[in-house]
């Protein structure tokens, strides 16, 4: 057991170092003033009248709804045009696809036994996975440039590449709000946010124009989840051609909101939470914590009649279930594969208490991820945010596999 403890502890360190990127730097600037680095979806979507008209067809860019058969139907309010050339990080249009290559994993058993699990990409998959990465840019500006660096490649490989088992992964580069931008308040600046979203919207329209009628999955984490939330609400939900092709939206580490005790409404007018493994056209969203989120948590706190949506990717219908993490271990001594997973590493269950709703992740003590992902590193306000995707990556891939099969029936 001691040998296993050392192995999985090294994985925990890598998750924090590799995925946190510049967030520790941001927090180190001013640990107490959490209002200056809001959780990516804690900031309300910009619906102001002075939004960038280049982002939406309507001058004000507001979401809209029309009455249909006595109910509410979403309407498209975002532009449907391609406004610029897309720089692709992953997918057929990428010059050097960051989401392909050796993705084998070492499976670490509880007794320390290790076996190699080969990664087999899907052969001509029928579904696309449109991925948007979290905050990784440490450029000294409010918005990142349109260029590919090691930071974008590394996080795409860590979070998105393994979905290649079940779908064709495509991912654009976008001028996201940087770590510095979060520190200096640009995340609350409509111009900075609209610049980022405009890139995402144009890339999506580019993808739609070139991908035919293929079904799709949206996958985003943190800032990426927020921009995909907006994309789904303003561009996809009300489009009669796109909405039926939505397999699911995995909007992780964000702030998807629903009315208390409801599965639809809030962030989306008609798109519900996924509550069965074979349900399609739905949303999976959660924020992972190892304990009840504090009152000042950046994620998982609702209020005023709404709560933050939690769907356990290992058990969408509810209840506790084991998680299947896949952690990046390239460069870690003793591993010859780029990923590793540990049997019996974690269990998870959606919980709520007061205004908080979150994915409670109980980790085997030998993982030490709980301690590494809060407290001295990122602070309790962040919970297990940096590991949101990788702690349940195997479950997320399996869920998309099942949903894709259900859509084909």
Protein backbone atom coordinates (compact mmCIF):
# COMPACT_ATOMS: atom_id res chain seq x y z
CA UNK A 1 0.00 0.00 0.00
CA UNK A 2 2.87 2.40 0.76
CA UNK A 3 4.06 2.11 -2.83
CA UNK A 4 0.59 3.01 -4.14
CA UNK A 5 0.42 5.95 -1.78
CA UNK A 6 3.60 7.40 -3.21
CA UNK A 7 2.41 6.86 -6.78
CA UNK A 8 -0.99 8.48 -6.47
CA UNK A 9 0.33 11.31 -4.35
CA UNK A 10 2.60 12.26 -7.23
CA UNK A 11 -0.46 12.36 -9.50
CA UNK A 12 -2.16 14.81 -7.18
CA UNK A 13 0.77 17.18 -7.35
CA UNK A 14 0.75 17.06 -11.14
CA UNK A 15 -2.95 17.85 -11.37
CA UNK A 16 -2.52 20.95 -9.26
CA UNK A 17 0.63 22.15 -10.99
CA UNK A 18 -0.42 21.28 -14.52
CA UNK A 19 -4.02 22.46 -14.55
CA UNK A 20 -3.93 25.41 -12.19
CA UNK A 21 -1.50 27.12 -14.55
CA UNK A 22 -1.53 30.77 -13.50
CA UNK A 23 -4.39 30.75 -11.02
CA UNK A 24 -2.11 30.36 -8.02
CA UNK A 25 -0.27 33.46 -9.23
CA UNK A 26 -3.56 35.35 -9.40
CA UNK A 27 -4.56 34.35 -5.90
CA UNK A 28 -1.15 35.21 -4.52
CA UNK A 29 -1.66 38.83 -5.53
CA UNK A 30 -4.58 39.36 -3.18
CA UNK A 31 -5.84 36.28 -1.36
CA UNK A 32 -8.50 38.07 0.68
CA UNK A 33 -10.26 40.11 -1.99
CA UNK A 34 -12.09 37.24 -3.70
CA UNK A 35 -14.40 39.71 -5.42
CA UNK A 36 -11.52 40.52 -7.73
CA UNK A 37 -11.22 37.01 -9.14
CA UNK A 38 -14.79 35.79 -9.59
CA UNK A 39 -15.50 32.22 -10.52
CA UNK A 40 -15.91 32.19 -14.28
CA UNK A 41 -19.65 31.67 -14.12
CA UNK A 42 -20.22 33.68 -10.99
CA UNK A 43 -20.24 36.79 -13.12
CA UNK A 44 -23.59 37.29 -14.82
CA UNK A 45 -23.68 36.92 -18.58
CA UNK A 46 -23.51 40.29 -20.25
CA UNK A 47 -27.00 41.24 -21.44
CA UNK A 48 -26.44 45.00 -21.37
CA UNK A 49 -27.63 47.32 -24.09
CA UNK A 50 -24.05 48.36 -24.87
CA UNK A 51 -22.82 44.86 -25.71
CA UNK A 52 -20.62 44.56 -28.76
CA UNK A 53 -22.95 44.58 -31.78
CA UNK A 54 -20.50 42.34 -33.60
CA UNK A 55 -21.38 39.52 -31.24
CA UNK A 56 -25.12 39.46 -31.90
CA UNK A 57 -27.45 40.08 -34.81
CA UNK A 58 -29.77 42.17 -32.65
CA UNK A 59 -28.34 45.55 -31.51
CA UNK A 60 -28.63 44.79 -27.80
CA UNK A 61 -27.62 41.13 -27.91
CA UNK A 62 -30.26 40.24 -25.31
CA UNK A 63 -31.63 36.73 -25.01
CA UNK A 64 -35.15 36.44 -26.32
CA UNK A 65 -38.01 33.98 -26.18
CA UNK A 66 -41.18 33.55 -28.19
CA UNK A 67 -44.44 31.92 -27.22
CA UNK A 68 -45.07 28.58 -28.89
CA UNK A 69 -48.02 26.28 -28.18
CA UNK A 70 -48.61 27.95 -24.86
CA UNK A 71 -45.01 27.50 -23.74
CA UNK A 72 -41.67 29.26 -24.03
CA UNK A 73 -39.32 28.66 -26.91
CA UNK A 74 -35.79 29.98 -27.12
CA UNK A 75 -34.76 32.26 -29.97
CA UNK A 76 -31.40 32.78 -31.65
CA UNK A 77 -29.96 36.16 -30.65
CA UNK A 78 -26.29 35.71 -31.56
CA UNK A 79 -24.66 36.14 -34.96
CA UNK A 80 -24.70 33.20 -37.34
CA UNK A 81 -21.80 34.47 -39.46
CA UNK A 82 -18.08 33.70 -39.49
CA UNK A 83 -16.31 36.95 -38.71
CA UNK A 84 -12.67 35.85 -38.85
CA UNK A 85 -10.40 32.97 -39.74
CA UNK A 86 -10.41 30.32 -37.02
CA UNK A 87 -7.18 29.16 -35.45
CA UNK A 88 -7.79 25.53 -34.51
CA UNK A 89 -6.05 23.89 -31.57
CA UNK A 90 -7.64 20.50 -32.19
CA UNK A 91 -9.52 19.00 -35.10
CA UNK A 92 -9.21 18.57 -38.85
CA UNK A 93 -8.36 22.26 -39.32
CA UNK A 94 -5.43 22.24 -36.88
CA UNK A 95 -1.91 22.38 -38.29
CA UNK A 96 -0.63 20.30 -35.35
CA UNK A 97 -3.58 18.69 -33.57
CA UNK A 98 -3.05 18.89 -29.79
CA UNK A 99 -5.71 16.25 -29.15
CA UNK A 100 -4.17 13.29 -30.95
CA UNK A 101 -1.19 11.07 -30.17
CA UNK A 102 -0.25 8.63 -27.45
CA UNK A 103 -2.93 8.77 -24.74
CA UNK A 104 -2.34 5.40 -23.04
CA UNK A 105 -2.92 5.18 -19.31
CA UNK A 106 -1.33 3.33 -16.40
CA UNK A 107 -3.94 1.71 -14.17
CA UNK A 108 -2.77 1.64 -10.56
CA UNK A 109 -4.51 -0.98 -8.44
CA UNK A 110 -5.00 -0.61 -4.70
CA UNK A 111 -2.18 -3.08 -4.05
CA UNK A 112 0.23 -1.07 -6.21
CA UNK A 113 -0.02 -3.35 -9.25
CA UNK A 114 0.20 -1.41 -12.49
CA UNK A 115 -1.06 -2.32 -15.95
CA UNK A 116 -1.12 -0.34 -19.17
CA UNK A 117 -4.50 0.50 -20.68
CA UNK A 118 -4.08 1.29 -24.40
CA UNK A 119 -5.97 4.25 -25.78
CA UNK A 120 -7.93 3.51 -28.94
CA UNK A 121 -9.34 6.50 -30.81
CA UNK A 122 -12.74 6.14 -32.41
CA UNK A 123 -12.67 5.07 -36.02
CA UNK A 124 -14.57 7.67 -38.04
CA UNK A 125 -16.75 8.90 -35.16
CA UNK A 126 -20.19 10.26 -36.05
CA UNK A 127 -20.16 12.95 -33.35
CA UNK A 128 -18.06 16.08 -32.80
CA UNK A 129 -16.90 17.32 -29.40
CA UNK A 130 -16.47 21.10 -29.44
CA UNK A 131 -14.08 21.91 -26.58
CA UNK A 132 -13.26 25.23 -24.94
CA UNK A 133 -10.37 25.35 -22.48
CA UNK A 134 -10.27 27.15 -19.11
CA UNK A 135 -8.18 30.18 -18.12
CA UNK A 136 -4.57 29.34 -18.94
CA UNK A 137 -3.03 32.46 -20.51
CA UNK A 138 -0.49 34.38 -18.46
CA UNK A 139 0.05 37.09 -21.06
CA UNK A 140 0.40 40.56 -19.54
CA UNK A 141 -2.86 41.88 -20.99
CA UNK A 142 -6.58 41.60 -20.34
CA UNK A 143 -7.12 39.25 -23.28
CA UNK A 144 -4.89 36.56 -24.72
CA UNK A 145 -3.63 36.83 -28.30
CA UNK A 146 -4.85 34.51 -31.03
CA UNK A 147 -1.90 32.14 -30.85
CA UNK A 148 -1.19 28.61 -29.70
CA UNK A 149 1.21 28.13 -26.80
CA UNK A 150 2.20 25.18 -24.65
CA UNK A 151 -0.44 26.18 -22.08
CA UNK A 152 -3.34 25.68 -24.49
CA UNK A 153 -1.87 22.48 -25.89
CA UNK A 154 -1.24 20.99 -22.46
CA UNK A 155 -4.69 21.66 -21.06
CA UNK A 156 -6.44 20.43 -24.22
CA UNK A 157 -4.42 17.24 -24.08
CA UNK A 158 -5.16 16.80 -20.37
CA UNK A 159 -8.89 17.54 -20.47
CA UNK A 160 -10.21 16.94 -23.99
CA UNK A 161 -8.00 14.53 -25.94
CA UNK A 162 -9.32 11.35 -24.33
CA UNK A 163 -12.81 12.15 -25.65
CA UNK A 164 -11.29 11.00 -28.94
CA UNK A 165 -12.43 7.52 -27.90
CA UNK A 166 -16.00 8.53 -28.70
CA UNK A 167 -15.99 11.66 -30.86
CA UNK A 168 -13.97 13.92 -33.14
CA UNK A 169 -12.49 16.59 -30.87
CA UNK A 170 -12.39 20.13 -32.27
CA UNK A 171 -11.16 23.13 -30.28
CA UNK A 172 -10.58 26.74 -31.33
CA UNK A 173 -8.15 29.24 -29.89
CA UNK A 174 -9.92 32.28 -28.45
CA UNK A 175 -8.86 35.55 -26.90
CA UNK A 176 -9.85 34.54 -23.40
CA UNK A 177 -9.58 36.81 -20.39
CA UNK A 178 -6.11 36.10 -19.01
CA UNK A 179 -4.92 35.44 -15.47
CA UNK A 180 -3.86 39.09 -15.31
CA UNK A 181 -7.27 40.10 -16.61
CA UNK A 182 -8.95 38.21 -13.79
CA UNK A 183 -6.70 39.83 -11.22
CA UNK A 184 -7.32 43.34 -12.59
CA UNK A 185 -11.08 42.95 -12.97
CA UNK A 186 -11.32 42.43 -16.74
CA UNK A 187 -13.54 39.42 -16.17
CA UNK A 188 -16.24 41.94 -15.26
CA UNK A 189 -15.49 44.11 -18.29
CA UNK A 190 -18.10 43.52 -21.04
CA UNK A 191 -15.61 44.49 -23.75
CA UNK A 192 -13.05 41.91 -22.62
CA UNK A 193 -15.70 39.21 -22.24
CA UNK A 194 -17.30 40.01 -25.60
CA UNK A 195 -13.93 39.89 -27.33
CA UNK A 196 -13.44 36.34 -26.06
CA UNK A 197 -16.99 35.29 -26.83
CA UNK A 198 -16.85 36.79 -30.30
CA UNK A 199 -13.97 34.46 -31.15
CA UNK A 200 -15.88 31.46 -29.79
CA UNK A 201 -19.04 32.41 -31.68
CA UNK A 202 -17.21 32.87 -34.98
CA UNK A 203 -15.36 29.57 -34.52
CA UNK A 204 -18.62 27.80 -33.78
CA UNK A 205 -20.25 29.25 -36.89
CA UNK A 206 -17.19 28.19 -38.88
CA UNK A 207 -17.51 24.67 -37.49
CA UNK A 208 -21.23 24.53 -38.28
CA UNK A 209 -20.60 25.69 -41.84
CA UNK A 210 -18.03 22.95 -42.49
CA UNK A 211 -19.28 19.97 -40.44
CA UNK A 212 -22.54 19.22 -42.20
CA UNK A 213 -25.34 17.92 -39.98
CA UNK A 214 -23.14 16.05 -37.50
CA UNK A 215 -24.37 15.74 -33.89
CA UNK A 216 -22.20 17.48 -31.32
CA UNK A 217 -21.17 17.63 -27.68
CA UNK A 218 -20.10 20.89 -26.03
CA UNK A 219 -17.26 20.52 -23.51
CA UNK A 220 -15.95 23.41 -21.46
CA UNK A 221 -14.30 24.03 -18.14
CA UNK A 222 -14.26 27.20 -16.03
CA UNK A 223 -14.06 30.23 -18.38
CA UNK A 224 -14.60 27.84 -21.27
CA UNK A 225 -17.80 26.59 -19.63
CA UNK A 226 -19.12 30.12 -19.28
CA UNK A 227 -18.59 31.00 -22.91
CA UNK A 228 -20.18 27.73 -23.99
CA UNK A 229 -23.12 28.43 -21.67
CA UNK A 230 -23.62 31.70 -23.49
CA UNK A 231 -23.16 30.00 -26.88
CA UNK A 232 -25.78 27.38 -26.05
CA UNK A 233 -28.24 29.98 -24.75
CA UNK A 234 -27.84 32.57 -27.51
CA UNK A 235 -26.86 30.60 -30.61
CA UNK A 236 -27.83 26.92 -30.28
CA UNK A 237 -30.86 26.50 -28.02
CA UNK A 238 -33.21 28.44 -30.30
CA UNK A 239 -31.87 27.12 -33.60
CA UNK A 240 -34.22 24.45 -35.00
CA UNK A 241 -31.40 22.90 -37.01
CA UNK A 242 -28.80 22.80 -34.23
CA UNK A 243 -30.88 22.04 -31.13
CA UNK A 244 -31.87 18.48 -32.22
CA UNK A 245 -28.21 17.67 -32.90
CA UNK A 246 -27.10 18.48 -29.34
CA UNK A 247 -25.96 15.24 -27.72
CA UNK A 248 -25.10 16.98 -24.45
CA UNK A 249 -23.30 19.98 -23.01
CA UNK A 250 -20.62 19.26 -20.41
CA UNK A 251 -20.32 22.66 -18.72
CA UNK A 252 -17.97 21.89 -15.88
CA UNK A 253 -16.63 24.13 -13.16
CA UNK A 254 -19.00 26.91 -14.10
CA UNK A 255 -22.22 28.33 -12.77
CA UNK A 256 -25.14 26.88 -14.72
CA UNK A 257 -28.24 27.98 -12.82
CA UNK A 258 -31.73 26.48 -12.50
CA UNK A 259 -34.69 27.37 -10.31
CA UNK A 260 -34.45 25.64 -6.93
CA UNK A 261 -35.42 21.95 -7.21
CA UNK A 262 -35.92 22.23 -10.97
CA UNK A 263 -33.96 20.82 -13.91
CA UNK A 264 -34.76 23.44 -16.53
CA UNK A 265 -34.96 27.22 -16.54
CA UNK A 266 -32.40 29.77 -15.43
CA UNK A 267 -29.35 29.67 -17.68
CA UNK A 268 -31.35 27.93 -20.41
CA UNK A 269 -35.00 28.26 -21.32
CA UNK A 270 -35.54 24.73 -22.61
CA UNK A 271 -32.37 22.63 -22.23
CA UNK A 272 -32.73 20.38 -19.15
CA UNK A 273 -30.24 18.73 -16.86
CA UNK A 274 -29.17 15.20 -17.81
CA UNK A 275 -30.82 12.80 -15.36
CA UNK A 276 -30.20 9.48 -17.11
CA UNK A 277 -27.11 8.08 -18.80
CA UNK A 278 -28.95 7.68 -22.10
CA UNK A 279 -30.67 11.07 -22.04
CA UNK A 280 -29.60 13.41 -24.82
CA UNK A 281 -30.05 17.10 -25.58
CA UNK A 282 -29.23 17.92 -21.98
CA UNK A 283 -26.63 19.51 -19.68
CA UNK A 284 -24.08 18.04 -17.29
CA UNK A 285 -22.70 20.64 -14.89
CA UNK A 286 -21.03 20.49 -11.50
CA UNK A 287 -18.47 22.12 -9.22
CA UNK A 288 -16.41 19.70 -7.16
CA UNK A 289 -15.54 20.20 -3.51
CA UNK A 290 -14.13 17.89 -0.86
CA UNK A 291 -16.27 19.62 1.77
CA UNK A 292 -19.23 21.99 1.97
CA UNK A 293 -18.38 25.13 -0.04
CA UNK A 294 -17.73 28.06 2.29
CA UNK A 295 -20.00 31.10 2.15
CA UNK A 296 -17.35 32.91 0.08
CA UNK A 297 -16.91 30.06 -2.40
CA UNK A 298 -16.36 31.17 -5.99
CA UNK A 299 -18.43 28.27 -7.30
CA UNK A 300 -21.53 26.35 -6.29
CA UNK A 301 -23.40 29.15 -4.53
CA UNK A 302 -26.82 30.26 -5.75
CA UNK A 303 -29.52 32.42 -4.18
CA UNK A 304 -32.60 34.50 -4.99
CA UNK A 305 -34.62 31.49 -6.09
CA UNK A 306 -31.94 29.79 -8.18
CA UNK A 307 -29.35 27.15 -7.44
CA UNK A 308 -26.22 26.02 -9.23
CA UNK A 309 -26.90 22.88 -11.21
CA UNK A 310 -25.17 19.68 -10.11
CA UNK A 311 -25.22 16.52 -12.21
CA UNK A 312 -22.97 13.67 -11.10
CA UNK A 313 -21.37 12.37 -14.33
CA UNK A 314 -21.01 8.92 -12.75
CA UNK A 315 -24.67 8.82 -11.65
CA UNK A 316 -26.82 11.44 -13.42
CA UNK A 317 -29.97 10.10 -11.77
CA UNK A 318 -28.58 10.81 -8.32
CA UNK A 319 -26.82 9.04 -5.49
CA UNK A 320 -23.21 8.23 -4.74
CA UNK A 321 -21.01 6.51 -7.30
CA UNK A 322 -17.30 5.81 -7.79
CA UNK A 323 -15.38 8.15 -10.09
CA UNK A 324 -12.84 7.13 -12.72
CA UNK A 325 -10.12 9.80 -12.80
CA UNK A 326 -7.56 10.12 -15.56
CA UNK A 327 -4.65 12.29 -14.52
CA UNK A 328 -1.85 13.54 -16.81
CA UNK A 329 1.50 12.11 -15.74
CA UNK A 330 3.83 13.03 -18.59
CA UNK A 331 7.18 13.90 -17.03
CA UNK A 332 6.44 12.10 -13.74
CA UNK A 333 9.19 9.64 -12.85
CA UNK A 334 8.13 6.02 -12.91
CA UNK A 335 5.41 6.37 -15.54
CA UNK A 336 5.79 5.43 -19.17
CA UNK A 337 2.29 6.52 -20.21
CA UNK A 338 0.89 10.05 -20.49
CA UNK A 339 -2.08 9.30 -18.20
CA UNK A 340 -2.73 7.30 -15.05
CA UNK A 341 -5.81 6.25 -13.16
CA UNK A 342 -6.15 4.75 -9.68
CA UNK A 343 -8.79 2.16 -8.83
CA UNK A 344 -11.08 3.16 -5.99
CA UNK A 345 -9.62 6.65 -5.95
CA UNK A 346 -12.80 8.64 -5.38
CA UNK A 347 -16.56 8.62 -5.00
CA UNK A 348 -18.92 11.49 -5.72
CA UNK A 349 -22.45 12.62 -4.93
CA UNK A 350 -24.38 15.83 -5.60
CA UNK A 351 -25.30 17.58 -2.36
CA UNK A 352 -27.01 20.79 -1.36
CA UNK A 353 -27.02 22.82 1.83
CA UNK A 354 -28.54 26.26 2.11
CA UNK A 355 -27.58 28.21 -1.00
CA UNK A 356 -24.81 25.77 -1.91
CA UNK A 357 -25.09 22.87 -4.37
CA UNK A 358 -21.98 20.96 -5.34
CA UNK A 359 -20.43 17.64 -6.30
CA UNK A 360 -19.07 16.19 -3.07
CA UNK A 361 -15.92 14.25 -3.97
CA UNK A 362 -14.61 11.91 -1.30
CA UNK A 363 -11.04 10.96 -2.09
CA UNK A 364 -9.02 8.06 -0.83
CA UNK A 365 -6.70 9.71 1.71
CA UNK A 366 -3.63 8.45 -0.12
CA UNK A 367 -4.48 10.65 -3.10
CA UNK A 368 -3.95 13.83 -1.10
CA UNK A 369 -5.71 15.74 -3.90
CA UNK A 370 -8.14 17.34 -1.47
CA UNK A 371 -5.36 18.98 0.50
CA UNK A 372 -3.44 19.88 -2.63
CA UNK A 373 -6.40 21.55 -4.33
CA UNK A 374 -7.46 23.85 -1.53
CA UNK A 375 -6.00 25.68 1.44
CA UNK A 376 -2.40 26.72 0.85
CA UNK A 377 -2.57 26.31 -2.93
CA UNK A 378 -5.78 27.91 -4.18
CA UNK A 379 -7.79 28.60 -1.06
CA UNK A 380 -11.06 27.00 0.09
CA UNK A 381 -13.09 29.26 -2.20
CA UNK A 382 -11.88 27.20 -5.17
CA UNK A 383 -12.57 23.71 -3.81
CA UNK A 384 -11.34 21.05 -6.23
CA UNK A 385 -11.80 23.35 -9.21
CA UNK A 386 -8.49 22.62 -10.92
CA UNK A 387 -9.31 18.90 -10.95
CA UNK A 388 -13.00 19.20 -11.93
CA UNK A 389 -12.58 17.49 -15.30
CA UNK A 390 -9.79 15.00 -14.65
CA UNK A 391 -11.27 13.64 -11.43
CA UNK A 392 -14.22 12.35 -13.47
CA UNK A 393 -12.74 12.17 -16.96
CA UNK A 394 -13.39 8.46 -17.42
CA UNK A 395 -17.02 8.92 -16.40
CA UNK A 396 -17.50 11.88 -18.72
CA UNK A 397 -16.13 9.94 -21.69
CA UNK A 398 -18.31 6.93 -20.86
CA UNK A 399 -21.36 9.16 -20.54
CA UNK A 400 -20.79 10.66 -23.99
CA UNK A 401 -20.33 7.13 -25.35
CA UNK A 402 -23.70 6.05 -23.96
CA UNK A 403 -25.46 9.24 -25.06
CA UNK A 404 -24.07 8.93 -28.57
CA UNK A 405 -25.32 5.35 -28.82
CA UNK A 406 -28.75 6.45 -27.57
CA UNK A 407 -28.93 9.22 -30.14
CA UNK A 408 -28.23 6.72 -32.91
CA UNK A 409 -31.11 4.45 -31.89
